[in-house]
PDB file of N, CA and C in Angstrom:
ATOM      1  N   UNK A   1      -1.802 -37.791 -37.994  1.00  0.00           N
ATOM      2  CA  UNK A   1      -0.836 -37.493 -36.969  1.00  0.00           C
ATOM      3  C   UNK A   1      -1.568 -36.934 -35.757  1.00  0.00           C
ATOM      4  N   UNK A   2      -1.293 -37.480 -34.625  1.00  0.00           N
ATOM      5  CA  UNK A   2      -1.961 -37.077 -33.395  1.00  0.00           C
ATOM      6  C   UNK A   2      -1.014 -36.213 -32.563  1.00  0.00           C
ATOM      7  N   UNK A   3      -1.543 -35.076 -32.051  1.00  0.00           N
ATOM      8  CA  UNK A   3      -0.748 -34.197 -31.209  1.00  0.00           C
ATOM      9  C   UNK A   3      -0.714 -34.735 -29.797  1.00  0.00           C
ATOM     10  N   UNK A   4       0.456 -34.746 -29.239  1.00  0.00           N
ATOM     11  CA  UNK A   4       0.619 -35.238 -27.880  1.00  0.00           C
ATOM     12  C   UNK A   4       0.963 -34.045 -26.993  1.00  0.00           C
ATOM     13  N   UNK A   5       0.242 -33.924 -25.906  1.00  0.00           N
ATOM     14  CA  UNK A   5       0.487 -32.845 -24.962  1.00  0.00           C
ATOM     15  C   UNK A   5       1.624 -33.237 -24.035  1.00  0.00           C
ATOM     16  N   UNK A   6       2.665 -32.408 -24.036  1.00  0.00           N
ATOM     17  CA  UNK A   6       3.805 -32.657 -23.153  1.00  0.00           C
ATOM     18  C   UNK A   6       3.638 -31.765 -21.932  1.00  0.00           C
ATOM     19  N   UNK A   7       3.564 -32.336 -20.741  1.00  0.00           N
ATOM     20  CA  UNK A   7       3.389 -31.501 -19.546  1.00  0.00           C
ATOM     21  C   UNK A   7       4.612 -30.624 -19.315  1.00  0.00           C
ATOM     22  N   UNK A   8       4.355 -29.362 -18.984  1.00  0.00           N
ATOM     23  CA  UNK A   8       5.424 -28.417 -18.694  1.00  0.00           C
ATOM     24  C   UNK A   8       5.932 -28.667 -17.280  1.00  0.00           C
ATOM     25  N   UNK A   9       7.236 -28.540 -17.082  1.00  0.00           N
ATOM     26  CA  UNK A   9       7.756 -28.724 -15.720  1.00  0.00           C
ATOM     27  C   UNK A   9       7.263 -27.610 -14.806  1.00  0.00           C
ATOM     28  N   UNK A  10       7.008 -27.939 -13.603  1.00  0.00           N
ATOM     29  CA  UNK A  10       6.473 -27.009 -12.616  1.00  0.00           C
ATOM     30  C   UNK A  10       7.613 -26.309 -11.896  1.00  0.00           C
ATOM     31  N   UNK A  11       7.577 -24.977 -11.847  1.00  0.00           N
ATOM     32  CA  UNK A  11       8.568 -24.201 -11.118  1.00  0.00           C
ATOM     33  C   UNK A  11       7.889 -23.579  -9.911  1.00  0.00           C
ATOM     34  N   UNK A  12       8.409 -23.854  -8.722  1.00  0.00           N
ATOM     35  CA  UNK A  12       7.825 -23.289  -7.509  1.00  0.00           C
ATOM     36  C   UNK A  12       8.201 -21.816  -7.380  1.00  0.00           C
ATOM     37  N   UNK A  13       7.348 -21.079  -6.708  1.00  0.00           N
ATOM     38  CA  UNK A  13       7.605 -19.670  -6.478  1.00  0.00           C
ATOM     39  C   UNK A  13       7.131 -18.780  -7.607  1.00  0.00           C
ATOM     40  N   UNK A  14       6.180 -19.265  -8.396  1.00  0.00           N
ATOM     41  CA  UNK A  14       5.630 -18.474  -9.493  1.00  0.00           C
ATOM     42  C   UNK A  14       4.115 -18.426  -9.386  1.00  0.00           C
ATOM     43  N   UNK A  15       3.533 -17.360  -9.892  1.00  0.00           N
ATOM     44  CA  UNK A  15       2.075 -17.258  -9.910  1.00  0.00           C
ATOM     45  C   UNK A  15       1.489 -18.309 -10.843  1.00  0.00           C
ATOM     46  N   UNK A  16       2.236 -18.643 -11.886  1.00  0.00           N
ATOM     47  CA  UNK A  16       1.795 -19.683 -12.823  1.00  0.00           C
ATOM     48  C   UNK A  16       1.667 -21.028 -12.099  1.00  0.00           C
ATOM     49  N   UNK A  17       2.580 -21.283 -11.170  1.00  0.00           N
ATOM     50  CA  UNK A  17       2.504 -22.522 -10.396  1.00  0.00           C
ATOM     51  C   UNK A  17       1.215 -22.600  -9.598  1.00  0.00           C
ATOM     52  N   UNK A  18       0.801 -21.488  -9.028  1.00  0.00           N
ATOM     53  CA  UNK A  18      -0.437 -21.450  -8.253  1.00  0.00           C
ATOM     54  C   UNK A  18      -1.649 -21.620  -9.161  1.00  0.00           C
ATOM     55  N   UNK A  19      -1.665 -20.842 -10.254  1.00  0.00           N
ATOM     56  CA  UNK A  19      -2.850 -20.832 -11.124  1.00  0.00           C
ATOM     57  C   UNK A  19      -3.009 -22.096 -11.952  1.00  0.00           C
ATOM     58  N   UNK A  20      -1.961 -22.447 -12.688  1.00  0.00           N
ATOM     59  CA  UNK A  20      -2.110 -23.494 -13.699  1.00  0.00           C
ATOM     60  C   UNK A  20      -1.727 -24.887 -13.212  1.00  0.00           C
ATOM     61  N   UNK A  21      -0.789 -24.938 -12.298  1.00  0.00           N
ATOM     62  CA  UNK A  21      -0.358 -26.249 -11.814  1.00  0.00           C
ATOM     63  C   UNK A  21      -1.017 -26.612 -10.493  1.00  0.00           C
ATOM     64  N   UNK A  22      -1.817 -25.699  -9.974  1.00  0.00           N
ATOM     65  CA  UNK A  22      -2.561 -25.904  -8.740  1.00  0.00           C
ATOM     66  C   UNK A  22      -1.661 -26.250  -7.541  1.00  0.00           C
ATOM     67  N   UNK A  23      -0.464 -25.669  -7.542  1.00  0.00           N
ATOM     68  CA  UNK A  23       0.435 -25.847  -6.413  1.00  0.00           C
ATOM     69  C   UNK A  23      -0.017 -24.881  -5.311  1.00  0.00           C
ATOM     70  N   UNK A  24      -0.094 -25.351  -4.114  1.00  0.00           N
ATOM     71  CA  UNK A  24      -0.554 -24.505  -3.015  1.00  0.00           C
ATOM     72  C   UNK A  24       0.538 -24.277  -1.980  1.00  0.00           C
ATOM     73  N   UNK A  25       1.785 -24.280  -2.424  1.00  0.00           N
ATOM     74  CA  UNK A  25       2.883 -24.031  -1.484  1.00  0.00           C
ATOM     75  C   UNK A  25       2.949 -22.531  -1.167  1.00  0.00           C
ATOM     76  N   UNK A  26       3.641 -22.191  -0.105  1.00  0.00           N
ATOM     77  CA  UNK A  26       3.726 -20.805   0.363  1.00  0.00           C
ATOM     78  C   UNK A  26       4.423 -19.904  -0.644  1.00  0.00           C
ATOM     79  N   UNK A  27       5.478 -20.384  -1.289  1.00  0.00           N
ATOM     80  CA  UNK A  27       6.207 -19.525  -2.230  1.00  0.00           C
ATOM     81  C   UNK A  27       5.375 -19.220  -3.475  1.00  0.00           C
ATOM     82  N   UNK A  28       4.585 -20.156  -3.955  1.00  0.00           N
ATOM     83  CA  UNK A  28       3.702 -19.885  -5.097  1.00  0.00           C
ATOM     84  C   UNK A  28       2.602 -18.904  -4.700  1.00  0.00           C
ATOM     85  N   UNK A  29       2.101 -19.026  -3.487  1.00  0.00           N
ATOM     86  CA  UNK A  29       1.067 -18.105  -3.014  1.00  0.00           C
ATOM     87  C   UNK A  29       1.625 -16.700  -2.876  1.00  0.00           C
ATOM     88  N   UNK A  30       2.841 -16.561  -2.338  1.00  0.00           N
ATOM     89  CA  UNK A  30       3.487 -15.252  -2.230  1.00  0.00           C
ATOM     90  C   UNK A  30       3.676 -14.622  -3.604  1.00  0.00           C
ATOM     91  N   UNK A  31       4.082 -15.425  -4.585  1.00  0.00           N
ATOM     92  CA  UNK A  31       4.283 -14.919  -5.944  1.00  0.00           C
ATOM     93  C   UNK A  31       2.967 -14.447  -6.549  1.00  0.00           C
ATOM     94  N   UNK A  32       1.892 -15.173  -6.294  1.00  0.00           N
ATOM     95  CA  UNK A  32       0.574 -14.777  -6.793  1.00  0.00           C
ATOM     96  C   UNK A  32       0.148 -13.443  -6.190  1.00  0.00           C
ATOM     97  N   UNK A  33       0.352 -13.263  -4.888  1.00  0.00           N
ATOM     98  CA  UNK A  33      -0.016 -12.007  -4.236  1.00  0.00           C
ATOM     99  C   UNK A  33       0.835 -10.843  -4.746  1.00  0.00           C
ATOM    100  N   UNK A  34       2.118 -11.079  -4.961  1.00  0.00           N
ATOM    101  CA  UNK A  34       2.991 -10.027  -5.482  1.00  0.00           C
ATOM    102  C   UNK A  34       2.563  -9.619  -6.888  1.00  0.00           C
ATOM    103  N   UNK A  35       2.203 -10.588  -7.714  1.00  0.00           N
ATOM    104  CA  UNK A  35       1.741 -10.280  -9.070  1.00  0.00           C
ATOM    105  C   UNK A  35       0.431  -9.499  -9.029  1.00  0.00           C
ATOM    106  N   UNK A  36      -0.439  -9.827  -8.094  1.00  0.00           N
ATOM    107  CA  UNK A  36      -1.715  -9.115  -7.970  1.00  0.00           C
ATOM    108  C   UNK A  36      -1.492  -7.669  -7.539  1.00  0.00           C
ATOM    109  N   UNK A  37      -0.527  -7.419  -6.653  1.00  0.00           N
ATOM    110  CA  UNK A  37      -0.226  -6.051  -6.233  1.00  0.00           C
ATOM    111  C   UNK A  37       0.260  -5.210  -7.411  1.00  0.00           C
ATOM    112  N   UNK A  38       1.116  -5.786  -8.230  1.00  0.00           N
ATOM    113  CA  UNK A  38       1.633  -5.068  -9.395  1.00  0.00           C
ATOM    114  C   UNK A  38       0.501  -4.786 -10.382  1.00  0.00           C
ATOM    115  N   UNK A  39      -0.352  -5.766 -10.618  1.00  0.00           N
ATOM    116  CA  UNK A  39      -1.469  -5.579 -11.548  1.00  0.00           C
ATOM    117  C   UNK A  39      -2.425  -4.511 -11.037  1.00  0.00           C
ATOM    118  N   UNK A  40      -2.690  -4.504  -9.733  1.00  0.00           N
ATOM    119  CA  UNK A  40      -3.584  -3.496  -9.155  1.00  0.00           C
ATOM    120  C   UNK A  40      -2.988  -2.109  -9.321  1.00  0.00           C
ATOM    121  N   UNK A  41      -1.678  -1.956  -9.033  1.00  0.00           N
ATOM    122  CA  UNK A  41      -1.023  -0.657  -9.164  1.00  0.00           C
ATOM    123  C   UNK A  41      -1.029  -0.187 -10.611  1.00  0.00           C
ATOM    124  N   UNK A  42      -0.823  -1.095 -11.548  1.00  0.00           N
ATOM    125  CA  UNK A  42      -0.839  -0.724 -12.969  1.00  0.00           C
ATOM    126  C   UNK A  42      -2.227  -0.264 -13.391  1.00  0.00           C
ATOM    127  N   UNK A  43      -3.258  -0.946 -12.911  1.00  0.00           N
ATOM    128  CA  UNK A  43      -4.643  -0.528 -13.229  1.00  0.00           C
ATOM    129  C   UNK A  43      -4.909   0.864 -12.697  1.00  0.00           C
ATOM    130  N   UNK A  44      -4.450   1.144 -11.476  1.00  0.00           N
ATOM    131  CA  UNK A  44      -4.666   2.473 -10.883  1.00  0.00           C
ATOM    132  C   UNK A  44      -3.942   3.554 -11.679  1.00  0.00           C
ATOM    133  N   UNK A  45      -2.720   3.273 -12.110  1.00  0.00           N
ATOM    134  CA  UNK A  45      -1.969   4.252 -12.901  1.00  0.00           C
ATOM    135  C   UNK A  45      -2.647   4.511 -14.245  1.00  0.00           C
ATOM    136  N   UNK A  46      -3.127   3.451 -14.894  1.00  0.00           N
ATOM    137  CA  UNK A  46      -3.825   3.625 -16.167  1.00  0.00           C
ATOM    138  C   UNK A  46      -5.097   4.430 -16.004  1.00  0.00           C
ATOM    139  N   UNK A  47      -5.715   4.345 -14.824  1.00  0.00           N
ATOM    140  CA  UNK A  47      -6.944   5.093 -14.560  1.00  0.00           C
ATOM    141  C   UNK A  47      -6.650   6.546 -14.194  1.00  0.00           C
ATOM    142  N   UNK A  48      -5.363   6.907 -14.071  1.00  0.00           N
ATOM    143  CA  UNK A  48      -4.998   8.282 -13.783  1.00  0.00           C
ATOM    144  C   UNK A  48      -4.779   8.590 -12.319  1.00  0.00           C
ATOM    145  N   UNK A  49      -4.771   7.577 -11.474  1.00  0.00           N
ATOM    146  CA  UNK A  49      -4.569   7.797 -10.039  1.00  0.00           C
ATOM    147  C   UNK A  49      -3.080   7.977  -9.742  1.00  0.00           C
ATOM    148  N   UNK A  50      -2.788   8.598  -8.634  1.00  0.00           N
ATOM    149  CA  UNK A  50      -1.403   8.774  -8.210  1.00  0.00           C
ATOM    150  C   UNK A  50      -0.891   7.468  -7.606  1.00  0.00           C
ATOM    151  N   UNK A  51       0.381   7.147  -7.829  1.00  0.00           N
ATOM    152  CA  UNK A  51       0.915   5.939  -7.193  1.00  0.00           C
ATOM    153  C   UNK A  51       1.009   6.130  -5.689  1.00  0.00           C
ATOM    154  N   UNK A  52       0.583   5.146  -4.949  1.00  0.00           N
ATOM    155  CA  UNK A  52       0.543   5.257  -3.492  1.00  0.00           C
ATOM    156  C   UNK A  52       1.774   4.597  -2.882  1.00  0.00           C
ATOM    157  N   UNK A  53       2.946   5.169  -3.133  1.00  0.00           N
ATOM    158  CA  UNK A  53       4.154   4.634  -2.515  1.00  0.00           C
ATOM    159  C   UNK A  53       4.143   4.993  -1.033  1.00  0.00           C
ATOM    160  N   UNK A  54       4.956   4.298  -0.268  1.00  0.00           N
ATOM    161  CA  UNK A  54       4.955   4.520   1.177  1.00  0.00           C
ATOM    162  C   UNK A  54       6.273   5.156   1.589  1.00  0.00           C
ATOM    163  N   UNK A  55       6.189   6.078   2.547  1.00  0.00           N
ATOM    164  CA  UNK A  55       7.356   6.828   3.026  1.00  0.00           C
ATOM    165  C   UNK A  55       7.435   6.688   4.546  1.00  0.00           C
ATOM    166  N   UNK A  56       8.614   6.941   5.131  1.00  0.00           N
ATOM    167  CA  UNK A  56       8.718   6.888   6.594  1.00  0.00           C
ATOM    168  C   UNK A  56       7.783   7.905   7.255  1.00  0.00           C
ATOM    169  N   UNK A  57       7.258   7.545   8.419  1.00  0.00           N
ATOM    170  CA  UNK A  57       6.209   8.331   9.062  1.00  0.00           C
ATOM    171  C   UNK A  57       6.752   9.435   9.982  1.00  0.00           C
ATOM    172  N   UNK A  58       8.054   9.493  10.198  1.00  0.00           N
ATOM    173  CA  UNK A  58       8.639  10.401  11.198  1.00  0.00           C
ATOM    174  C   UNK A  58       8.265  11.865  11.024  1.00  0.00           C
ATOM    175  N   UNK A  59       8.473  12.425   9.826  1.00  0.00           N
ATOM    176  CA  UNK A  59       8.158  13.843   9.595  1.00  0.00           C
ATOM    177  C   UNK A  59       6.671  14.120   9.761  1.00  0.00           C
ATOM    178  N   UNK A  60       5.838  13.195   9.304  1.00  0.00           N
ATOM    179  CA  UNK A  60       4.387  13.389   9.391  1.00  0.00           C
ATOM    180  C   UNK A  60       3.951  13.372  10.847  1.00  0.00           C
ATOM    181  N   UNK A  61       4.505  12.425  11.626  1.00  0.00           N
ATOM    182  CA  UNK A  61       4.158  12.328  13.044  1.00  0.00           C
ATOM    183  C   UNK A  61       4.602  13.589  13.794  1.00  0.00           C
ATOM    184  N   UNK A  62       5.783  14.099  13.478  1.00  0.00           N
ATOM    185  CA  UNK A  62       6.281  15.313  14.129  1.00  0.00           C
ATOM    186  C   UNK A  62       5.417  16.519  13.760  1.00  0.00           C
ATOM    187  N   UNK A  63       4.991  16.602  12.501  1.00  0.00           N
ATOM    188  CA  UNK A  63       4.140  17.713  12.070  1.00  0.00           C
ATOM    189  C   UNK A  63       2.772  17.637  12.757  1.00  0.00           C
ATOM    190  N   UNK A  64       2.235  16.433  12.875  1.00  0.00           N
ATOM    191  CA  UNK A  64       0.954  16.248  13.562  1.00  0.00           C
ATOM    192  C   UNK A  64       1.080  16.665  15.029  1.00  0.00           C
ATOM    193  N   UNK A  65       2.182  16.294  15.676  1.00  0.00           N
ATOM    194  CA  UNK A  65       2.400  16.690  17.074  1.00  0.00           C
ATOM    195  C   UNK A  65       2.508  18.207  17.199  1.00  0.00           C
ATOM    196  N   UNK A  66       3.156  18.866  16.230  1.00  0.00           N
ATOM    197  CA  UNK A  66       3.278  20.327  16.265  1.00  0.00           C
ATOM    198  C   UNK A  66       1.913  20.990  16.080  1.00  0.00           C
ATOM    199  N   UNK A  67       1.096  20.429  15.205  1.00  0.00           N
ATOM    200  CA  UNK A  67      -0.256  20.969  15.008  1.00  0.00           C
ATOM    201  C   UNK A  67      -1.093  20.811  16.278  1.00  0.00           C
ATOM    202  N   UNK A  68      -0.976  19.645  16.914  1.00  0.00           N
ATOM    203  CA  UNK A  68      -1.727  19.418  18.145  1.00  0.00           C
ATOM    204  C   UNK A  68      -1.229  20.343  19.255  1.00  0.00           C
ATOM    205  N   UNK A  69       0.070  20.613  19.296  1.00  0.00           N
ATOM    206  CA  UNK A  69       0.620  21.536  20.299  1.00  0.00           C
ATOM    207  C   UNK A  69       0.142  22.964  20.052  1.00  0.00           C
ATOM    208  N   UNK A  70      -0.163  23.281  18.791  1.00  0.00           N
ATOM    209  CA  UNK A  70      -0.664  24.616  18.446  1.00  0.00           C
ATOM    210  C   UNK A  70      -2.167  24.742  18.693  1.00  0.00           C
ATOM    211  N   UNK A  71      -2.792  23.666  19.176  1.00  0.00           N
ATOM    212  CA  UNK A  71      -4.207  23.734  19.535  1.00  0.00           C
ATOM    213  C   UNK A  71      -5.165  23.090  18.537  1.00  0.00           C
ATOM    214  N   UNK A  72      -4.647  22.456  17.502  1.00  0.00           N
ATOM    215  CA  UNK A  72      -5.507  21.791  16.526  1.00  0.00           C
ATOM    216  C   UNK A  72      -5.937  20.432  17.069  1.00  0.00           C
ATOM    217  N   UNK A  73      -7.175  20.066  16.841  1.00  0.00           N
ATOM    218  CA  UNK A  73      -7.618  18.714  17.173  1.00  0.00           C
ATOM    219  C   UNK A  73      -7.342  17.816  15.971  1.00  0.00           C
ATOM    220  N   UNK A  74      -7.285  16.514  16.211  1.00  0.00           N
ATOM    221  CA  UNK A  74      -7.049  15.580  15.102  1.00  0.00           C
ATOM    222  C   UNK A  74      -8.180  15.646  14.085  1.00  0.00           C
ATOM    223  N   UNK A  75      -9.385  15.845  14.570  1.00  0.00           N
ATOM    224  CA  UNK A  75     -10.528  15.938  13.659  1.00  0.00           C
ATOM    225  C   UNK A  75     -10.389  17.159  12.741  1.00  0.00           C
ATOM    226  N   UNK A  76      -9.909  18.269  13.293  1.00  0.00           N
ATOM    227  CA  UNK A  76      -9.721  19.489  12.504  1.00  0.00           C
ATOM    228  C   UNK A  76      -8.574  19.308  11.502  1.00  0.00           C
ATOM    229  N   UNK A  77      -7.495  18.665  11.923  1.00  0.00           N
ATOM    230  CA  UNK A  77      -6.375  18.391  11.022  1.00  0.00           C
ATOM    231  C   UNK A  77      -6.830  17.458   9.899  1.00  0.00           C
ATOM    232  N   UNK A  78      -7.612  16.441  10.257  1.00  0.00           N
ATOM    233  CA  UNK A  78      -8.104  15.492   9.252  1.00  0.00           C
ATOM    234  C   UNK A  78      -8.978  16.194   8.220  1.00  0.00           C
ATOM    235  N   UNK A  79      -9.817  17.111   8.675  1.00  0.00           N
ATOM    236  CA  UNK A  79     -10.670  17.846   7.738  1.00  0.00           C
ATOM    237  C   UNK A  79      -9.834  18.737   6.828  1.00  0.00           C
ATOM    238  N   UNK A  80      -8.817  19.381   7.383  1.00  0.00           N
ATOM    239  CA  UNK A  80      -7.965  20.262   6.574  1.00  0.00           C
ATOM    240  C   UNK A  80      -7.137  19.470   5.566  1.00  0.00           C
ATOM    241  N   UNK A  81      -6.701  18.277   5.953  1.00  0.00           N
ATOM    242  CA  UNK A  81      -5.885  17.441   5.068  1.00  0.00           C
ATOM    243  C   UNK A  81      -6.731  16.559   4.163  1.00  0.00           C
ATOM    244  N   UNK A  82      -8.030  16.538   4.391  1.00  0.00           N
ATOM    245  CA  UNK A  82      -8.974  15.709   3.640  1.00  0.00           C
ATOM    246  C   UNK A  82      -8.624  14.221   3.730  1.00  0.00           C
ATOM    247  N   UNK A  83      -8.353  13.777   4.958  1.00  0.00           N
ATOM    248  CA  UNK A  83      -8.144  12.365   5.248  1.00  0.00           C
ATOM    249  C   UNK A  83      -9.067  11.984   6.405  1.00  0.00           C
ATOM    250  N   UNK A  84      -9.216  10.706   6.638  1.00  0.00           N
ATOM    251  CA  UNK A  84     -10.067  10.243   7.730  1.00  0.00           C
ATOM    252  C   UNK A  84      -9.353  10.451   9.071  1.00  0.00           C
ATOM    253  N   UNK A  85     -10.101  10.779  10.138  1.00  0.00           N
ATOM    254  CA  UNK A  85      -9.472  10.912  11.457  1.00  0.00           C
ATOM    255  C   UNK A  85      -8.757   9.630  11.905  1.00  0.00           C
ATOM    256  N   UNK A  86      -9.274   8.480  11.507  1.00  0.00           N
ATOM    257  CA  UNK A  86      -8.624   7.211  11.866  1.00  0.00           C
ATOM    258  C   UNK A  86      -7.239   7.108  11.236  1.00  0.00           C
ATOM    259  N   UNK A  87      -7.046   7.717  10.079  1.00  0.00           N
ATOM    260  CA  UNK A  87      -5.739   7.713   9.434  1.00  0.00           C
ATOM    261  C   UNK A  87      -4.721   8.443  10.302  1.00  0.00           C
ATOM    262  N   UNK A  88      -5.128   9.556  10.893  1.00  0.00           N
ATOM    263  CA  UNK A  88      -4.220  10.305  11.760  1.00  0.00           C
ATOM    264  C   UNK A  88      -3.932   9.547  13.050  1.00  0.00           C
ATOM    265  N   UNK A  89      -4.898   8.782  13.515  1.00  0.00           N
ATOM    266  CA  UNK A  89      -4.667   7.942  14.691  1.00  0.00           C
ATOM    267  C   UNK A  89      -3.602   6.899  14.381  1.00  0.00           C
ATOM    268  N   UNK A  90      -3.662   6.319  13.179  1.00  0.00           N
ATOM    269  CA  UNK A  90      -2.638   5.350  12.774  1.00  0.00           C
ATOM    270  C   UNK A  90      -1.278   6.026  12.625  1.00  0.00           C
ATOM    271  N   UNK A  91      -1.250   7.251  12.096  1.00  0.00           N
ATOM    272  CA  UNK A  91       0.010   7.987  11.951  1.00  0.00           C
ATOM    273  C   UNK A  91       0.631   8.240  13.321  1.00  0.00           C
ATOM    274  N   UNK A  92      -0.192   8.580  14.302  1.00  0.00           N
ATOM    275  CA  UNK A  92       0.310   8.897  15.644  1.00  0.00           C
ATOM    276  C   UNK A  92       0.755   7.650  16.406  1.00  0.00           C
ATOM    277  N   UNK A  93       0.276   6.476  16.011  1.00  0.00           N
ATOM    278  CA  UNK A  93       0.648   5.244  16.718  1.00  0.00           C
ATOM    279  C   UNK A  93       2.127   4.937  16.502  1.00  0.00           C
ATOM    280  N   UNK A  94       2.826   4.605  17.573  1.00  0.00           N
ATOM    281  CA  UNK A  94       4.256   4.338  17.482  1.00  0.00           C
ATOM    282  C   UNK A  94       4.564   3.062  16.707  1.00  0.00           C
ATOM    283  N   UNK A  95       3.599   2.178  16.566  1.00  0.00           N
ATOM    284  CA  UNK A  95       3.828   0.937  15.822  1.00  0.00           C
ATOM    285  C   UNK A  95       3.840   1.169  14.312  1.00  0.00           C
ATOM    286  N   UNK A  96       3.333   2.308  13.858  1.00  0.00           N
ATOM    287  CA  UNK A  96       3.309   2.616  12.428  1.00  0.00           C
ATOM    288  C   UNK A  96       4.691   3.085  11.996  1.00  0.00           C
ATOM    289  N   UNK A  97       5.236   2.440  10.976  1.00  0.00           N
ATOM    290  CA  UNK A  97       6.577   2.775  10.489  1.00  0.00           C
ATOM    291  C   UNK A  97       6.524   3.566   9.185  1.00  0.00           C
ATOM    292  N   UNK A  98       5.553   3.278   8.316  1.00  0.00           N
ATOM    293  CA  UNK A  98       5.464   3.931   7.022  1.00  0.00           C
ATOM    294  C   UNK A  98       4.027   4.355   6.773  1.00  0.00           C
ATOM    295  N   UNK A  99       3.876   5.389   5.932  1.00  0.00           N
ATOM    296  CA  UNK A  99       2.564   5.928   5.622  1.00  0.00           C
ATOM    297  C   UNK A  99       2.522   6.218   4.121  1.00  0.00           C
ATOM    298  N   UNK A 100       1.344   6.242   3.554  1.00  0.00           N
ATOM    299  CA  UNK A 100       1.189   6.533   2.138  1.00  0.00           C
ATOM    300  C   UNK A 100       1.752   7.924   1.827  1.00  0.00           C
ATOM    301  N   UNK A 101       2.425   8.035   0.689  1.00  0.00           N
ATOM    302  CA  UNK A 101       2.983   9.318   0.269  1.00  0.00           C
ATOM    303  C   UNK A 101       1.885  10.357   0.092  1.00  0.00           C
ATOM    304  N   UNK A 102       0.712   9.928  -0.334  1.00  0.00           N
ATOM    305  CA  UNK A 102      -0.415  10.842  -0.547  1.00  0.00           C
ATOM    306  C   UNK A 102      -0.883  11.409   0.791  1.00  0.00           C
ATOM    307  N   UNK A 103      -0.993  10.561   1.815  1.00  0.00           N
ATOM    308  CA  UNK A 103      -1.395  11.010   3.156  1.00  0.00           C
ATOM    309  C   UNK A 103      -0.321  11.928   3.726  1.00  0.00           C
ATOM    310  N   UNK A 104       0.944  11.566   3.546  1.00  0.00           N
ATOM    311  CA  UNK A 104       2.037  12.389   4.068  1.00  0.00           C
ATOM    312  C   UNK A 104       2.003  13.786   3.452  1.00  0.00           C
ATOM    313  N   UNK A 105       1.805  13.869   2.146  1.00  0.00           N
ATOM    314  CA  UNK A 105       1.745  15.163   1.472  1.00  0.00           C
ATOM    315  C   UNK A 105       0.570  15.986   1.971  1.00  0.00           C
ATOM    316  N   UNK A 106      -0.577  15.331   2.184  1.00  0.00           N
ATOM    317  CA  UNK A 106      -1.771  16.044   2.636  1.00  0.00           C
ATOM    318  C   UNK A 106      -1.582  16.594   4.044  1.00  0.00           C
ATOM    319  N   UNK A 107      -1.033  15.792   4.951  1.00  0.00           N
ATOM    320  CA  UNK A 107      -0.869  16.234   6.341  1.00  0.00           C
ATOM    321  C   UNK A 107       0.225  17.300   6.443  1.00  0.00           C
ATOM    322  N   UNK A 108       1.317  17.103   5.718  1.00  0.00           N
ATOM    323  CA  UNK A 108       2.395  18.095   5.768  1.00  0.00           C
ATOM    324  C   UNK A 108       1.993  19.422   5.138  1.00  0.00           C
ATOM    325  N   UNK A 109       0.964  19.408   4.302  1.00  0.00           N
ATOM    326  CA  UNK A 109       0.466  20.633   3.686  1.00  0.00           C
ATOM    327  C   UNK A 109      -0.405  21.473   4.594  1.00  0.00           C
ATOM    328  N   UNK A 110      -0.807  20.952   5.743  1.00  0.00           N
ATOM    329  CA  UNK A 110      -1.638  21.708   6.684  1.00  0.00           C
ATOM    330  C   UNK A 110      -0.748  22.648   7.485  1.00  0.00           C
ATOM    331  N   UNK A 111      -1.026  23.918   7.390  1.00  0.00           N
ATOM    332  CA  UNK A 111      -0.245  24.928   8.111  1.00  0.00           C
ATOM    333  C   UNK A 111      -0.962  25.335   9.382  1.00  0.00           C
ATOM    334  N   UNK A 112      -0.222  25.523  10.498  1.00  0.00           N
ATOM    335  CA  UNK A 112      -0.868  25.908  11.756  1.00  0.00           C
ATOM    336  C   UNK A 112      -1.399  27.330  11.744  1.00  0.00           C
TER     337      UNK A 112
END
């Protein structure tokens, strides 16, 4: 008796479609990227890292402005919060809508 391989039907919008069926459509690619993000986050959690969810930047931006009004430089705030100065530049930019919860907690923890 010979085994016959029956091809599985291809479903678009799945990571399996990208990997195994070699479909290169946009929806399969999006699904592959979404699956990779989840896998990366799970690896980080298993390693003991904090989840890096994103929160609105409004309170952080207002706190940074208050610190700067009190005479703190961004470099000094960055050192106190243990983040990169470029991160604070991104927080201050009006185009930034959300920031990592870890960065928000660090910056909001800096007292003037």
